Each structure stands twice: as structure tokens, then as C-alpha cells.
Amino acid sequence: MTTKLESTVGRLTEWFNRFDQPVVMSSFGKDSMVMLFIIFRLMHKRIPVIYHGVPWEPWKNDFASGVTKAYHLTVYDYPPIMSGVRVKPERLEIVHRYQIGKDWGHGIDIPVNLLPPDKNWQCGLKMVSRPKGTLLYQWNLTLIGHKSCDVDQFDGHMPLKSDLVEMDGFPALGFPLKDWSDDELWEFIEERHVPVQHRTRYVDRKEIEDKTLNNDYVEACTACIDPRNPEKVFCPLVNREIDNVSASVQKFEGRAVYIGGADHG
């Protein structure tokens, strides 16, 4: 663990010496919290943070707000440049693409894991129709807590191309935790008392079934934006059948540019 931490700090130190405008992209999940802890608590760096909150279920942002206050973070949010869906026979996700870099055509896709409508459900069509916008993206290094061992619910194993990915039109993308395993991450969390959502999101190193306070999940009806559905679908919002408008909804395909062996859709 000491060697892994030293390697991560060394990697970050090298990047901070090279790039003068770094930013952390954080979800405030366990990986992000380890990254934030290393940068802010161990290295004592003060750099801005990007957090794309959950506008539809604000209580899911409570943990992020608490850490923001405790760590005295400067946190920015901005709307996506594009929203739509990714779909395969057994799964549909809503995806928001957020601009990364000065070219509005480049972005990072952030999926929303969907739960069946229950108590606090949202309209999927309204979610993809949310306000959009471009940004004067001023940062030249974006730090992300993704690890090469991570497994995505849609794409499966998501190995990284490198710890530092540099491409035309993008700022450098840095993955300081690239080589960490989940067990190493949890050992660090427990040894260093890194704040994570114990009991409300994680129990015994695993995510719990109750997603009430998990900002990766949103309850939503996607009947009318799902291309797998028939031409007419029942809408619980208006309590009648409506047209399936999935043909007009943006489709996302492929995997992120920083994932090894895959192209961005």
C-alpha cells in the first residue's frame, strides 16, 4: 500500500509540475474520495473540482455538499452539451455528455443508472431534454478517479489506455488511481478514515441495494424514449398512451476515448 501511495503521489507531483491549470472531476464516490483525500489532505493542494450533481433528486447531493464544506472545496457544475440514451437488448441508460476542453464537440459521457419508477421517479424525456450549454473550459489537466480494474454495468471491464491520456482537442486526462485494486482502495479508506457514504451507500465494502442516497442512480420512466418499445406506450405522467419518440432522441455508442481497445461513440 505504501508503494502504491508513493507512486500515486509521485505521478500527481509530476503532473502538477507540468500542467498549470488542473481540475478534479469528482462524483464523490469511493474512488473520487480517495483521489480527493490524497490531493487535498496528503499533498495539501488547492485545486478546483467539477461535480455534476443530480438536479432531479437534490438529496443525492447531500454527501458531496458535506465534503465540499469540510474540505473547503471550490466546486463547479455546468450543463451538458448533449443528452441521450445508450441501449442494448437488455439495458438502457440515459447519458449526458459534458464538454471537456475548448472544443465543444469533445466531451466525457456520464451515464445515469436507471431504476424503475417508484416514489420519486422522473420523466426520462425531460431528463434528456434538460438545458444544454457550451463552456469556456480553462483547465489543461482533468483528474478522474477511474481505475483499470473498474467494471461498467453497460460495457463490462474498462481498462485504461494509460495513466495520462493526451489527445488533440482534449485537455490531458489523468488517472492517478489507474493501478489500484478495489481491495487496496478499501484498505486505504479504512486505514486513513477517508470519508465515504458508510451505511447509506456502502456496507462491508459493497454498495447496498437501497439507492436512495446513491447519486449514480435515478428512478425514471423511459417508456417513450426507449427504441425497444412499440410505437405507442403508456405514460404515467399524463395517464394515457402517447407516441414513442425514441427516434428523435440522441443515441450514444462506443466507449470512452481513454479506454483501451475502444473508440468513442
C-alpha atoms as a PDB file:
ATOM      1  CA  MET A   1       0.000   0.000   0.000  1.00  0.00           C
ATOM      2  CA  THR A   2       2.857   2.387   0.855  1.00  0.00           C
ATOM      3  CA  THR A   3       4.454   1.754  -2.535  1.00  0.00           C
ATOM      4  CA  LYS A   4       1.155   2.297  -4.345  1.00  0.00           C
ATOM      5  CA  LEU A   5       0.537   5.559  -2.484  1.00  0.00           C
ATOM      6  CA  GLU A   6       4.083   6.795  -3.131  1.00  0.00           C
ATOM      7  CA  SER A   7       3.698   6.002  -6.823  1.00  0.00           C
ATOM      8  CA  THR A   8       0.397   7.898  -6.974  1.00  0.00           C
ATOM      9  CA  VAL A   9       1.793  10.944  -5.175  1.00  0.00           C
ATOM     10  CA  GLY A  10       4.844  10.903  -7.450  1.00  0.00           C
ATOM     11  CA  ARG A  11       2.633  10.708 -10.522  1.00  0.00           C
ATOM     12  CA  LEU A  12       0.494  13.619  -9.335  1.00  0.00           C
ATOM     13  CA  THR A  13       3.541  15.702  -8.410  1.00  0.00           C
ATOM     14  CA  GLU A  14       4.950  15.246 -11.913  1.00  0.00           C
ATOM     15  CA  TRP A  15       1.634  16.268 -13.475  1.00  0.00           C
ATOM     16  CA  PHE A  16       1.211  19.307 -11.241  1.00  0.00           C
ATOM     17  CA  ASN A  17       4.695  20.479 -12.257  1.00  0.00           C
ATOM     18  CA  ARG A  18       3.815  20.071 -15.923  1.00  0.00           C
ATOM     19  CA  PHE A  19       0.227  21.377 -16.045  1.00  0.00           C
ATOM     20  CA  ASP A  20      -0.578  24.767 -14.535  1.00  0.00           C
ATOM     21  CA  GLN A  21      -4.389  24.544 -14.566  1.00  0.00           C
ATOM     22  CA  PRO A  22      -5.504  21.191 -13.125  1.00  0.00           C
ATOM     23  CA  VAL A  23      -9.034  20.305 -12.087  1.00  0.00           C
ATOM     24  CA  VAL A  24     -10.528  17.260 -10.351  1.00  0.00           C
ATOM     25  CA  MET A  25     -13.659  15.685 -11.830  1.00  0.00           C
ATOM     26  CA  SER A  26     -15.393  14.063  -8.876  1.00  0.00           C
ATOM     27  CA  SER A  27     -18.556  12.058  -8.300  1.00  0.00           C
ATOM     28  CA  PHE A  28     -17.800  11.851  -4.547  1.00  0.00           C
ATOM     29  CA  GLY A  29     -17.998   8.054  -4.731  1.00  0.00           C
ATOM     30  CA  LYS A  30     -15.305   5.964  -3.047  1.00  0.00           C
ATOM     31  CA  ASP A  31     -12.730   6.278  -5.873  1.00  0.00           C
ATOM     32  CA  SER A  32     -13.196  10.035  -6.104  1.00  0.00           C
ATOM     33  CA  MET A  33     -12.917  10.368  -2.334  1.00  0.00           C
ATOM     34  CA  VAL A  34      -9.571   8.564  -2.238  1.00  0.00           C
ATOM     35  CA  MET A  35      -8.304  10.818  -5.033  1.00  0.00           C
ATOM     36  CA  LEU A  36      -9.550  13.931  -3.216  1.00  0.00           C
ATOM     37  CA  PHE A  37      -8.054  12.758   0.089  1.00  0.00           C
ATOM     38  CA  ILE A  38      -4.618  12.242  -1.467  1.00  0.00           C
ATOM     39  CA  ILE A  39      -4.633  15.584  -3.272  1.00  0.00           C
ATOM     40  CA  PHE A  40      -6.197  17.779  -0.587  1.00  0.00           C
ATOM     41  CA  ARG A  41      -5.291  16.073   2.700  1.00  0.00           C
ATOM     42  CA  LEU A  42      -1.911  14.439   1.965  1.00  0.00           C
ATOM     43  CA  MET A  43      -0.462  16.707  -0.727  1.00  0.00           C
ATOM     44  CA  HIS A  44      -2.209  19.868   0.560  1.00  0.00           C
ATOM     45  CA  LYS A  45      -3.047  21.054  -2.945  1.00  0.00           C
ATOM     46  CA  ARG A  46      -5.867  23.521  -3.504  1.00  0.00           C
ATOM     47  CA  ILE A  47      -7.330  22.987  -6.957  1.00  0.00           C
ATOM     48  CA  PRO A  48     -10.904  23.323  -8.263  1.00  0.00           C
ATOM     49  CA  VAL A  49     -13.367  20.452  -8.519  1.00  0.00           C
ATOM     50  CA  ILE A  50     -16.041  19.664 -11.098  1.00  0.00           C
ATOM     51  CA  TYR A  51     -19.114  17.879  -9.737  1.00  0.00           C
ATOM     52  CA  HIS A  52     -22.125  17.227 -11.928  1.00  0.00           C
ATOM     53  CA  GLY A  53     -24.892  16.963  -9.365  1.00  0.00           C
ATOM     54  CA  VAL A  54     -28.307  15.326  -9.583  1.00  0.00           C
ATOM     55  CA  PRO A  55     -30.761  18.182 -10.282  1.00  0.00           C
ATOM     56  CA  TRP A  56     -33.836  15.953 -10.056  1.00  0.00           C
ATOM     57  CA  GLU A  57     -33.143  14.397  -6.649  1.00  0.00           C
ATOM     58  CA  PRO A  58     -31.213  17.002  -4.635  1.00  0.00           C
ATOM     59  CA  TRP A  59     -30.876  14.820  -1.529  1.00  0.00           C
ATOM     60  CA  LYS A  60     -28.445  12.679  -3.532  1.00  0.00           C
ATOM     61  CA  ASN A  61     -26.064  15.659  -3.454  1.00  0.00           C
ATOM     62  CA  ASP A  62     -26.005  15.919   0.356  1.00  0.00           C
ATOM     63  CA  PHE A  63     -22.810  13.897   0.832  1.00  0.00           C
ATOM     64  CA  ALA A  64     -20.997  15.896  -1.853  1.00  0.00           C
ATOM     65  CA  SER A  65     -22.143  19.115  -0.176  1.00  0.00           C
ATOM     66  CA  GLY A  66     -20.859  17.923   3.188  1.00  0.00           C
ATOM     67  CA  VAL A  67     -17.422  17.058   1.812  1.00  0.00           C
ATOM     68  CA  THR A  68     -17.316  20.358  -0.078  1.00  0.00           C
ATOM     69  CA  LYS A  69     -17.786  22.208   3.216  1.00  0.00           C
ATOM     70  CA  ALA A  70     -15.408  20.003   5.227  1.00  0.00           C
ATOM     71  CA  TYR A  71     -12.620  20.214   2.630  1.00  0.00           C
ATOM     72  CA  HIS A  72     -13.339  23.868   1.722  1.00  0.00           C
ATOM     73  CA  LEU A  73     -13.565  22.918  -1.943  1.00  0.00           C
ATOM     74  CA  THR A  74     -14.209  25.214  -4.869  1.00  0.00           C
ATOM     75  CA  VAL A  75     -16.761  23.236  -6.884  1.00  0.00           C
ATOM     76  CA  TYR A  76     -18.129  23.983 -10.348  1.00  0.00           C
ATOM     77  CA  ASP A  77     -21.053  22.462 -12.234  1.00  0.00           C
ATOM     78  CA  TYR A  78     -22.255  23.165 -15.757  1.00  0.00           C
ATOM     79  CA  PRO A  79     -24.882  21.726 -18.113  1.00  0.00           C
ATOM     80  CA  PRO A  80     -24.139  19.001 -20.655  1.00  0.00           C
ATOM     81  CA  ILE A  81     -23.617  19.738 -24.334  1.00  0.00           C
ATOM     82  CA  MET A  82     -25.739  16.747 -25.299  1.00  0.00           C
ATOM     83  CA  SER A  83     -28.054  14.169 -23.701  1.00  0.00           C
ATOM     84  CA  GLY A  84     -29.496  10.919 -24.985  1.00  0.00           C
ATOM     85  CA  VAL A  85     -29.512   7.167 -24.433  1.00  0.00           C
ATOM     86  CA  ARG A  86     -27.327   4.107 -24.811  1.00  0.00           C
ATOM     87  CA  VAL A  87     -29.236   0.938 -25.436  1.00  0.00           C
ATOM     88  CA  LYS A  88     -28.665  -2.761 -25.944  1.00  0.00           C
ATOM     89  CA  PRO A  89     -31.172  -5.634 -25.791  1.00  0.00           C
ATOM     90  CA  GLU A  90     -31.076  -5.969 -22.012  1.00  0.00           C
ATOM     91  CA  ARG A  91     -30.239  -2.447 -20.843  1.00  0.00           C
ATOM     92  CA  LEU A  92     -30.909   1.265 -21.419  1.00  0.00           C
ATOM     93  CA  GLU A  93     -29.020   4.163 -19.864  1.00  0.00           C
ATOM     94  CA  ILE A  94     -29.502   7.905 -20.067  1.00  0.00           C
ATOM     95  CA  VAL A  95     -26.214   9.619 -20.930  1.00  0.00           C
ATOM     96  CA  HIS A  96     -25.124  13.234 -20.517  1.00  0.00           C
ATOM     97  CA  ARG A  97     -22.072  14.405 -22.455  1.00  0.00           C
ATOM     98  CA  TYR A  98     -20.142  17.191 -20.718  1.00  0.00           C
ATOM     99  CA  GLN A  99     -17.711  19.382 -22.593  1.00  0.00           C
ATOM    100  CA  ILE A 100     -14.041  18.750 -21.883  1.00  0.00           C
ATOM    101  CA  GLY A 101     -11.607  21.199 -23.436  1.00  0.00           C
ATOM    102  CA  LYS A 102     -12.174  24.282 -25.550  1.00  0.00           C
ATOM    103  CA  ASP A 103     -13.794  22.451 -28.473  1.00  0.00           C
ATOM    104  CA  TRP A 104     -17.493  21.937 -27.694  1.00  0.00           C
ATOM    105  CA  GLY A 105     -17.511  18.813 -29.863  1.00  0.00           C
ATOM    106  CA  HIS A 106     -15.351  16.949 -27.353  1.00  0.00           C
ATOM    107  CA  GLY A 107     -16.749  15.664 -24.108  1.00  0.00           C
ATOM    108  CA  ILE A 108     -16.913  12.993 -21.443  1.00  0.00           C
ATOM    109  CA  ASP A 109     -20.036  10.864 -21.239  1.00  0.00           C
ATOM    110  CA  ILE A 110     -21.560  10.317 -17.809  1.00  0.00           C
ATOM    111  CA  PRO A 111     -24.242   7.610 -17.714  1.00  0.00           C
ATOM    112  CA  VAL A 112     -27.209   7.548 -15.349  1.00  0.00           C
ATOM    113  CA  ASN A 113     -28.129   4.149 -13.948  1.00  0.00           C
ATOM    114  CA  LEU A 114     -31.906   3.896 -14.061  1.00  0.00           C
ATOM    115  CA  LEU A 115     -34.275   2.402 -11.512  1.00  0.00           C
ATOM    116  CA  PRO A 116     -37.937   1.547 -12.174  1.00  0.00           C
ATOM    117  CA  PRO A 117     -40.387   4.337 -11.282  1.00  0.00           C
ATOM    118  CA  ASP A 118     -41.480   4.197  -7.651  1.00  0.00           C
ATOM    119  CA  LYS A 119     -41.804   7.111  -5.200  1.00  0.00           C
ATOM    120  CA  ASN A 120     -39.576   9.850  -6.626  1.00  0.00           C
ATOM    121  CA  TRP A 121     -39.452   8.983 -10.288  1.00  0.00           C
ATOM    122  CA  GLN A 122     -38.516  11.331 -13.093  1.00  0.00           C
ATOM    123  CA  CYS A 123     -39.629  11.644 -16.712  1.00  0.00           C
ATOM    124  CA  GLY A 124     -36.842  10.281 -18.916  1.00  0.00           C
ATOM    125  CA  LEU A 125     -37.838  12.556 -21.789  1.00  0.00           C
ATOM    126  CA  LYS A 126     -37.484  15.593 -19.534  1.00  0.00           C
ATOM    127  CA  MET A 127     -34.112  14.314 -18.355  1.00  0.00           C
ATOM    128  CA  VAL A 128     -32.694  14.173 -21.890  1.00  0.00           C
ATOM    129  CA  SER A 129     -34.404  17.485 -22.729  1.00  0.00           C
ATOM    130  CA  ARG A 130     -32.654  19.296 -19.873  1.00  0.00           C
ATOM    131  CA  PRO A 131     -30.902  22.632 -20.605  1.00  0.00           C
ATOM    132  CA  LYS A 132     -27.676  22.322 -22.608  1.00  0.00           C
ATOM    133  CA  GLY A 133     -24.724  24.633 -22.989  1.00  0.00           C
ATOM    134  CA  THR A 134     -21.102  25.056 -24.023  1.00  0.00           C
ATOM    135  CA  LEU A 135     -18.287  26.195 -21.774  1.00  0.00           C
ATOM    136  CA  LEU A 136     -15.020  28.109 -21.874  1.00  0.00           C
ATOM    137  CA  TYR A 137     -13.116  25.149 -20.410  1.00  0.00           C
ATOM    138  CA  GLN A 138      -9.975  26.672 -18.932  1.00  0.00           C
ATOM    139  CA  TRP A 139      -8.259  23.636 -17.389  1.00  0.00           C
ATOM    140  CA  ASN A 140      -5.431  21.734 -19.107  1.00  0.00           C
ATOM    141  CA  LEU A 141      -5.386  18.658 -16.843  1.00  0.00           C
ATOM    142  CA  THR A 142      -8.551  16.850 -15.762  1.00  0.00           C
ATOM    143  CA  LEU A 143      -8.096  14.282 -12.986  1.00  0.00           C
ATOM    144  CA  ILE A 144     -10.522  11.345 -12.874  1.00  0.00           C
ATOM    145  CA  GLY A 145     -10.789   8.553 -10.296  1.00  0.00           C
ATOM    146  CA  HIS A 146     -11.283   5.703 -12.785  1.00  0.00           C
ATOM    147  CA  LYS A 147      -9.229   2.522 -12.203  1.00  0.00           C
ATOM    148  CA  SER A 148      -8.184  -0.084 -14.778  1.00  0.00           C
ATOM    149  CA  CYS A 149      -9.960  -2.798 -12.778  1.00  0.00           C
ATOM    150  CA  ASP A 150     -13.323  -0.998 -12.935  1.00  0.00           C
ATOM    151  CA  VAL A 151     -16.300  -2.835 -14.411  1.00  0.00           C
ATOM    152  CA  ASP A 152     -19.122  -0.874 -16.045  1.00  0.00           C
ATOM    153  CA  GLN A 153     -22.705  -2.177 -15.949  1.00  0.00           C
ATOM    154  CA  PHE A 154     -23.116  -1.468 -19.665  1.00  0.00           C
ATOM    155  CA  ASP A 155     -19.644  -2.085 -21.134  1.00  0.00           C
ATOM    156  CA  GLY A 156     -18.079  -4.541 -18.713  1.00  0.00           C
ATOM    157  CA  HIS A 157     -14.331  -4.336 -17.996  1.00  0.00           C
ATOM    158  CA  MET A 158     -12.982  -0.805 -18.602  1.00  0.00           C
ATOM    159  CA  PRO A 159      -9.150  -0.920 -18.696  1.00  0.00           C
ATOM    160  CA  LEU A 160      -7.405   2.409 -19.178  1.00  0.00           C
ATOM    161  CA  LYS A 161      -5.067   3.111 -22.093  1.00  0.00           C
ATOM    162  CA  SER A 162      -2.623   4.897 -19.808  1.00  0.00           C
ATOM    163  CA  ASP A 163      -2.428   6.827 -16.556  1.00  0.00           C
ATOM    164  CA  LEU A 164      -2.128  10.023 -18.627  1.00  0.00           C
ATOM    165  CA  VAL A 165      -4.059  10.305 -21.895  1.00  0.00           C
ATOM    166  CA  GLU A 166      -3.274  13.204 -24.228  1.00  0.00           C
ATOM    167  CA  MET A 167      -5.271  13.757 -27.439  1.00  0.00           C
ATOM    168  CA  ASP A 168      -5.835  16.618 -29.842  1.00  0.00           C
ATOM    169  CA  GLY A 169      -8.744  18.787 -28.756  1.00  0.00           C
ATOM    170  CA  PHE A 170      -8.791  17.474 -25.190  1.00  0.00           C
ATOM    171  CA  PRO A 171      -7.023  18.593 -22.052  1.00  0.00           C
ATOM    172  CA  ALA A 172      -4.769  15.913 -20.624  1.00  0.00           C
ATOM    173  CA  LEU A 173      -6.801  13.285 -18.764  1.00  0.00           C
ATOM    174  CA  GLY A 174      -5.048  11.978 -15.660  1.00  0.00           C
ATOM    175  CA  PHE A 175      -5.967   8.781 -13.829  1.00  0.00           C
ATOM    176  CA  PRO A 176      -3.879   8.762 -10.638  1.00  0.00           C
ATOM    177  CA  LEU A 177      -5.561   5.591  -9.289  1.00  0.00           C
ATOM    178  CA  LYS A 178      -5.130   3.602 -12.521  1.00  0.00           C
ATOM    179  CA  ASP A 179      -3.259   0.671 -10.939  1.00  0.00           C
ATOM    180  CA  TRP A 180      -5.189   0.440  -7.671  1.00  0.00           C
ATOM    181  CA  SER A 181      -7.384  -2.571  -6.948  1.00  0.00           C
ATOM    182  CA  ASP A 182     -10.705  -2.305  -5.123  1.00  0.00           C
ATOM    183  CA  ASP A 183      -9.228  -4.082  -2.094  1.00  0.00           C
ATOM    184  CA  GLU A 184      -6.299  -1.648  -1.974  1.00  0.00           C
ATOM    185  CA  LEU A 185      -8.724   1.237  -2.219  1.00  0.00           C
ATOM    186  CA  TRP A 186     -10.832  -0.042   0.680  1.00  0.00           C
ATOM    187  CA  GLU A 187      -7.745  -0.748   2.799  1.00  0.00           C
ATOM    188  CA  PHE A 188      -6.664   2.856   2.279  1.00  0.00           C
ATOM    189  CA  ILE A 189     -10.160   4.150   3.120  1.00  0.00           C
ATOM    190  CA  GLU A 190     -10.244   2.144   6.352  1.00  0.00           C
ATOM    191  CA  GLU A 191      -6.658   2.896   7.424  1.00  0.00           C
ATOM    192  CA  ARG A 192      -6.844   6.630   6.703  1.00  0.00           C
ATOM    193  CA  HIS A 193     -10.509   7.105   7.670  1.00  0.00           C
ATOM    194  CA  VAL A 194     -11.362   8.577   4.291  1.00  0.00           C
ATOM    195  CA  PRO A 195     -14.975   9.826   4.374  1.00  0.00           C
ATOM    196  CA  VAL A 196     -17.318   7.741   2.220  1.00  0.00           C
ATOM    197  CA  GLN A 197     -21.041   7.039   2.428  1.00  0.00           C
ATOM    198  CA  HIS A 198     -20.858   4.274   5.018  1.00  0.00           C
ATOM    199  CA  ARG A 199     -24.238   2.597   5.600  1.00  0.00           C
ATOM    200  CA  THR A 200     -26.106   4.938   3.226  1.00  0.00           C
ATOM    201  CA  ARG A 201     -24.232   3.637   0.152  1.00  0.00           C
ATOM    202  CA  TYR A 202     -21.570   1.124   1.241  1.00  0.00           C
ATOM    203  CA  VAL A 203     -21.666  -1.752   3.728  1.00  0.00           C
ATOM    204  CA  ASP A 204     -18.852  -4.310   4.056  1.00  0.00           C
ATOM    205  CA  ARG A 205     -17.056  -2.802   1.044  1.00  0.00           C
ATOM    206  CA  LYS A 206     -20.064  -3.241  -1.225  1.00  0.00           C
ATOM    207  CA  GLU A 207     -22.834  -0.980  -2.489  1.00  0.00           C
ATOM    208  CA  ILE A 208     -26.159  -1.605  -0.789  1.00  0.00           C
ATOM    209  CA  GLU A 209     -29.390  -2.271  -2.688  1.00  0.00           C
ATOM    210  CA  ASP A 210     -31.078   0.897  -1.399  1.00  0.00           C
ATOM    211  CA  LYS A 211     -30.082   3.630  -3.875  1.00  0.00           C
ATOM    212  CA  THR A 212     -31.932   6.483  -2.142  1.00  0.00           C
ATOM    213  CA  LEU A 213     -28.697   8.404  -1.492  1.00  0.00           C
ATOM    214  CA  ASN A 214     -26.628   6.973  -4.354  1.00  0.00           C
ATOM    215  CA  ASN A 215     -26.037   9.709  -6.926  1.00  0.00           C
ATOM    216  CA  ASP A 216     -25.253   7.183  -9.672  1.00  0.00           C
ATOM    217  CA  TYR A 217     -28.920   6.124  -9.783  1.00  0.00           C
ATOM    218  CA  VAL A 218     -32.193   7.866 -10.637  1.00  0.00           C
ATOM    219  CA  GLU A 219     -35.744   6.496 -10.727  1.00  0.00           C
ATOM    220  CA  ALA A 220     -37.135   7.243 -14.175  1.00  0.00           C
ATOM    221  CA  CYS A 221     -39.788   6.253 -16.682  1.00  0.00           C
ATOM    222  CA  THR A 222     -38.144   5.786 -20.083  1.00  0.00           C
ATOM    223  CA  ALA A 223     -41.081   4.255 -21.948  1.00  0.00           C
ATOM    224  CA  CYS A 224     -41.295   6.910 -24.666  1.00  0.00           C
ATOM    225  CA  ILE A 225     -37.526   7.220 -25.264  1.00  0.00           C
ATOM    226  CA  ASP A 226     -36.774   3.500 -25.430  1.00  0.00           C
ATOM    227  CA  PRO A 227     -36.321   2.263 -29.034  1.00  0.00           C
ATOM    228  CA  ARG A 228     -37.046  -1.285 -27.881  1.00  0.00           C
ATOM    229  CA  ASN A 229     -40.652  -0.310 -27.094  1.00  0.00           C
ATOM    230  CA  PRO A 230     -43.623  -0.237 -29.524  1.00  0.00           C
ATOM    231  CA  GLU A 231     -44.826   2.900 -31.328  1.00  0.00           C
ATOM    232  CA  LYS A 232     -47.387   3.628 -28.589  1.00  0.00           C
ATOM    233  CA  VAL A 233     -46.519   3.482 -24.889  1.00  0.00           C
ATOM    234  CA  PHE A 234     -48.327   4.258 -21.654  1.00  0.00           C
ATOM    235  CA  CYS A 235     -47.185   7.478 -19.975  1.00  0.00           C
ATOM    236  CA  PRO A 236     -47.763   7.568 -16.188  1.00  0.00           C
ATOM    237  CA  LEU A 237     -47.208  11.325 -16.225  1.00  0.00           C
ATOM    238  CA  VAL A 238     -50.342  12.046 -18.290  1.00  0.00           C
ATOM    239  CA  ASN A 239     -52.017   8.694 -17.554  1.00  0.00           C
ATOM    240  CA  ARG A 240     -52.626   7.743 -21.185  1.00  0.00           C
ATOM    241  CA  GLU A 241     -50.962   6.303 -24.261  1.00  0.00           C
ATOM    242  CA  ILE A 242     -48.527   8.543 -26.138  1.00  0.00           C
ATOM    243  CA  ASP A 243     -46.170   8.233 -29.097  1.00  0.00           C
ATOM    244  CA  ASN A 244     -42.789   6.613 -28.671  1.00  0.00           C
ATOM    245  CA  VAL A 245     -40.394   9.453 -29.594  1.00  0.00           C
ATOM    246  CA  SER A 246     -37.170   7.472 -29.262  1.00  0.00           C
ATOM    247  CA  ALA A 247     -36.311   8.073 -32.930  1.00  0.00           C
ATOM    248  CA  SER A 248     -35.758  11.751 -32.084  1.00  0.00           C
ATOM    249  CA  VAL A 249     -33.515  11.050 -29.085  1.00  0.00           C
ATOM    250  CA  GLN A 250     -29.721  11.168 -29.443  1.00  0.00           C
ATOM    251  CA  LYS A 251     -28.089   7.711 -29.401  1.00  0.00           C
ATOM    252  CA  PHE A 252     -24.670   7.146 -27.865  1.00  0.00           C
ATOM    253  CA  GLU A 253     -22.470   4.263 -28.970  1.00  0.00           C
ATOM    254  CA  GLY A 254     -18.947   3.066 -28.317  1.00  0.00           C
ATOM    255  CA  ARG A 255     -16.717   3.542 -25.322  1.00  0.00           C
ATOM    256  CA  ALA A 256     -14.711   6.438 -23.950  1.00  0.00           C
ATOM    257  CA  VAL A 257     -11.566   7.513 -25.793  1.00  0.00           C
ATOM    258  CA  TYR A 258      -9.419   6.808 -22.729  1.00  0.00           C
ATOM    259  CA  ILE A 259     -10.498   3.155 -22.515  1.00  0.00           C
ATOM    260  CA  GLY A 260      -8.093   0.684 -24.072  1.00  0.00           C
ATOM    261  CA  GLY A 261      -9.138  -1.043 -27.295  1.00  0.00           C
ATOM    262  CA  ALA A 262     -12.303   1.001 -27.891  1.00  0.00           C
ATOM    263  CA  ASP A 263     -13.345   4.118 -29.732  1.00  0.00           C
ATOM    264  CA  HIS A 264     -15.616   6.896 -28.545  1.00  0.00           C
ATOM    265  CA  GLY A 265     -19.135   6.983 -29.966  1.00  0.00           C
END
